[in-house]
Amino acid sequence: MSTTPTLNGQVIGQAHYATRALLERAVAPLGLTFGQVLALNVLADGPVERAHLTHRITSTLKVDAPAVHEVIARLLGANLADDDTDPARIRLTDAGQATQARVADVVSGITARLYADIPADDANAAARALTVITRRANAELAA
C-alpha cells in the first residue's frame, strides 16, 4: 500500500541531503566544498563586497562568520578569487570563472535528472511551500 508522505522537516531534509551529496560528490574532483560552491555562485555575477558575501553564506548555511572567512580564504588560496584590488571586495579570477561554469554545468545536470518528470504545477507548489517554510524558520532564528 502506497501512502503519500507528509511534508515535514524529515522529508525536506532527506531531499536536501541526498541532493547535496550528489553535488558534493560531483565537485569533489574540483577540490571544492559545498560552501565554496555557494560562494562561487554568489561571485558569478561580478565583484561582491566581502561583508555581503559573508552575510549571504552565513544566512544560507547557518554558519558563523569565521567559517565563511575560511571558505573565502580557501578560494583566494586556490586562485579562484581575488580581492579585486580592494580588500573589501572579492571577485572571481579567470580560473574561478571557469570552475564556477563547471559547477553550473554539474548543477544543471543534477537538476535535469532529479526534476525531469515532476509536473510543473507540483514543482511550483513545492517551491512556494518551501519558500514559506524557509521564511518562517529564518524569522524564528532572527527573533
Protein backbone atom coordinates (compact mmCIF):
# COMPACT_ATOMS: atom_id res chain seq x y z
CA MET A 1 0.00 0.00 0.00
CA SER A 2 1.46 3.35 -1.06
CA THR A 3 0.98 6.37 1.15
CA THR A 4 1.65 9.99 0.34
CA PRO A 5 4.46 11.32 2.53
CA THR A 6 3.70 14.16 4.90
CA LEU A 7 5.50 17.42 4.21
CA ASN A 8 7.75 17.86 7.23
CA GLY A 9 11.34 18.60 8.16
CA GLN A 10 12.41 14.99 7.75
CA VAL A 11 11.15 14.74 4.16
CA ILE A 12 12.63 18.14 3.29
CA GLY A 13 15.93 17.27 4.96
CA GLN A 14 16.21 13.92 3.19
CA ALA A 15 15.71 15.62 -0.19
CA HIS A 16 18.25 18.31 0.69
CA TYR A 17 20.93 15.95 1.95
CA ALA A 18 20.51 13.49 -0.92
CA THR A 19 20.79 16.29 -3.48
CA ARG A 20 23.69 17.91 -1.63
CA ALA A 21 25.52 14.57 -1.52
CA LEU A 22 25.22 14.27 -5.30
CA LEU A 23 26.60 17.78 -5.72
CA GLU A 24 29.43 17.26 -3.24
CA ARG A 25 30.42 14.02 -4.97
CA ALA A 26 30.39 15.77 -8.34
CA VAL A 27 32.52 18.75 -7.23
CA ALA A 28 34.97 16.76 -5.07
CA PRO A 29 37.34 16.20 -8.04
CA LEU A 30 37.48 20.00 -8.37
CA GLY A 31 38.62 20.23 -4.74
CA LEU A 32 35.55 22.23 -3.73
CA THR A 33 33.39 22.14 -0.63
CA PHE A 34 29.69 22.94 -0.57
CA GLY A 35 30.43 26.34 0.99
CA GLN A 36 32.88 27.14 -1.78
CA VAL A 37 30.30 26.21 -4.41
CA LEU A 38 27.83 28.64 -2.83
CA ALA A 39 30.48 31.38 -2.70
CA LEU A 40 31.42 30.82 -6.35
CA ASN A 41 27.75 31.15 -7.30
CA VAL A 42 27.42 34.43 -5.40
CA LEU A 43 30.56 35.76 -7.11
CA ALA A 44 29.43 34.63 -10.58
CA ASP A 45 27.62 37.92 -11.23
CA GLY A 46 30.68 40.07 -10.54
CA PRO A 47 32.69 41.54 -7.67
CA VAL A 48 30.96 41.49 -4.29
CA GLU A 49 31.65 43.23 -1.01
CA ARG A 50 33.32 40.78 1.36
CA ALA A 51 30.71 41.60 4.02
CA HIS A 52 27.88 40.85 1.58
CA LEU A 53 29.43 37.52 0.60
CA THR A 54 29.90 36.64 4.26
CA HIS A 55 26.28 37.51 5.03
CA ARG A 56 24.95 35.51 2.07
CA ILE A 57 26.82 32.37 3.10
CA THR A 58 26.16 32.68 6.85
CA SER A 59 22.45 33.21 6.21
CA THR A 60 22.25 30.35 3.72
CA LEU A 61 24.31 27.74 5.56
CA LYS A 62 23.51 28.94 9.09
CA VAL A 63 27.23 29.02 9.97
CA ASP A 64 29.24 31.69 11.72
CA ALA A 65 31.38 34.33 10.02
CA PRO A 66 34.73 32.65 10.83
CA ALA A 67 33.59 29.56 8.90
CA VAL A 68 32.81 31.75 5.89
CA HIS A 69 36.12 33.57 6.23
CA GLU A 70 37.78 30.14 5.90
CA VAL A 71 35.77 29.43 2.74
CA ILE A 72 36.86 32.77 1.30
CA ALA A 73 40.48 32.18 2.31
CA ARG A 74 40.48 28.83 0.53
CA LEU A 75 39.06 30.38 -2.64
CA LEU A 76 41.73 33.06 -2.50
CA GLY A 77 44.44 30.48 -1.79
CA ALA A 78 43.31 28.34 -4.72
CA ASN A 79 43.43 31.39 -7.02
CA LEU A 80 39.71 31.03 -7.73
CA ALA A 81 39.03 34.50 -6.34
CA ASP A 82 41.00 37.63 -5.56
CA ASP A 83 40.44 40.92 -3.79
CA ASP A 84 39.64 42.95 -6.92
CA THR A 85 42.36 45.49 -5.94
CA ASP A 86 40.22 46.35 -2.91
CA PRO A 87 40.42 44.06 0.14
CA ALA A 88 36.75 44.81 0.89
CA ARG A 89 35.65 43.33 -2.46
CA ILE A 90 36.09 39.85 -3.88
CA ARG A 91 35.80 38.70 -7.48
CA LEU A 92 36.34 35.51 -9.41
CA THR A 93 39.61 35.06 -11.24
CA ASP A 94 39.64 33.55 -14.71
CA ALA A 95 40.23 30.17 -13.08
CA GLY A 96 37.35 30.85 -10.70
CA GLN A 97 35.04 31.74 -13.58
CA ALA A 98 35.96 28.52 -15.37
CA THR A 99 35.42 26.50 -12.19
CA GLN A 100 32.09 28.18 -11.50
CA ALA A 101 30.97 27.40 -15.06
CA ARG A 102 31.86 23.73 -14.49
CA VAL A 103 29.88 23.76 -11.24
CA ALA A 104 26.89 25.35 -13.02
CA ASP A 105 27.02 22.54 -15.60
CA VAL A 106 27.09 19.94 -12.80
CA VAL A 107 24.12 21.57 -11.07
CA SER A 108 22.20 21.74 -14.35
CA GLY A 109 22.77 18.04 -14.93
CA ILE A 110 21.71 17.06 -11.43
CA THR A 111 18.63 19.28 -11.66
CA ALA A 112 17.66 17.87 -15.05
CA ARG A 113 17.92 14.29 -13.79
CA LEU A 114 16.14 14.79 -10.46
CA TYR A 115 13.36 17.13 -11.56
CA ALA A 116 12.80 15.74 -15.08
CA ASP A 117 9.32 14.26 -14.77
CA ILE A 118 7.88 16.35 -11.96
CA PRO A 119 4.85 18.22 -13.31
CA ALA A 120 5.36 21.99 -13.36
CA ASP A 121 2.35 22.59 -11.09
CA ASP A 122 3.74 20.21 -8.47
CA ALA A 123 7.21 21.78 -8.67
CA ASN A 124 5.74 25.27 -8.35
CA ALA A 125 3.61 24.26 -5.36
CA ALA A 126 6.63 22.68 -3.67
CA ALA A 127 8.71 25.80 -4.32
CA ARG A 128 6.00 28.02 -2.82
CA ALA A 129 5.65 25.83 0.27
CA LEU A 130 9.40 25.57 0.83
CA THR A 131 9.82 29.33 0.44
CA VAL A 132 7.20 29.93 3.14
CA ILE A 133 8.83 27.38 5.43
CA THR A 134 12.27 28.94 4.92
CA ARG A 135 10.94 32.45 5.56
CA ARG A 136 9.21 31.33 8.77
CA ALA A 137 12.26 29.44 10.04
CA ASN A 138 14.53 32.39 9.29
CA ALA A 139 12.14 34.72 11.14
CA GLU A 140 12.24 32.47 14.20
CA LEU A 141 16.03 32.29 14.05
CA ALA A 142 16.22 36.09 13.87
CA ALA A 143 13.85 36.56 16.82
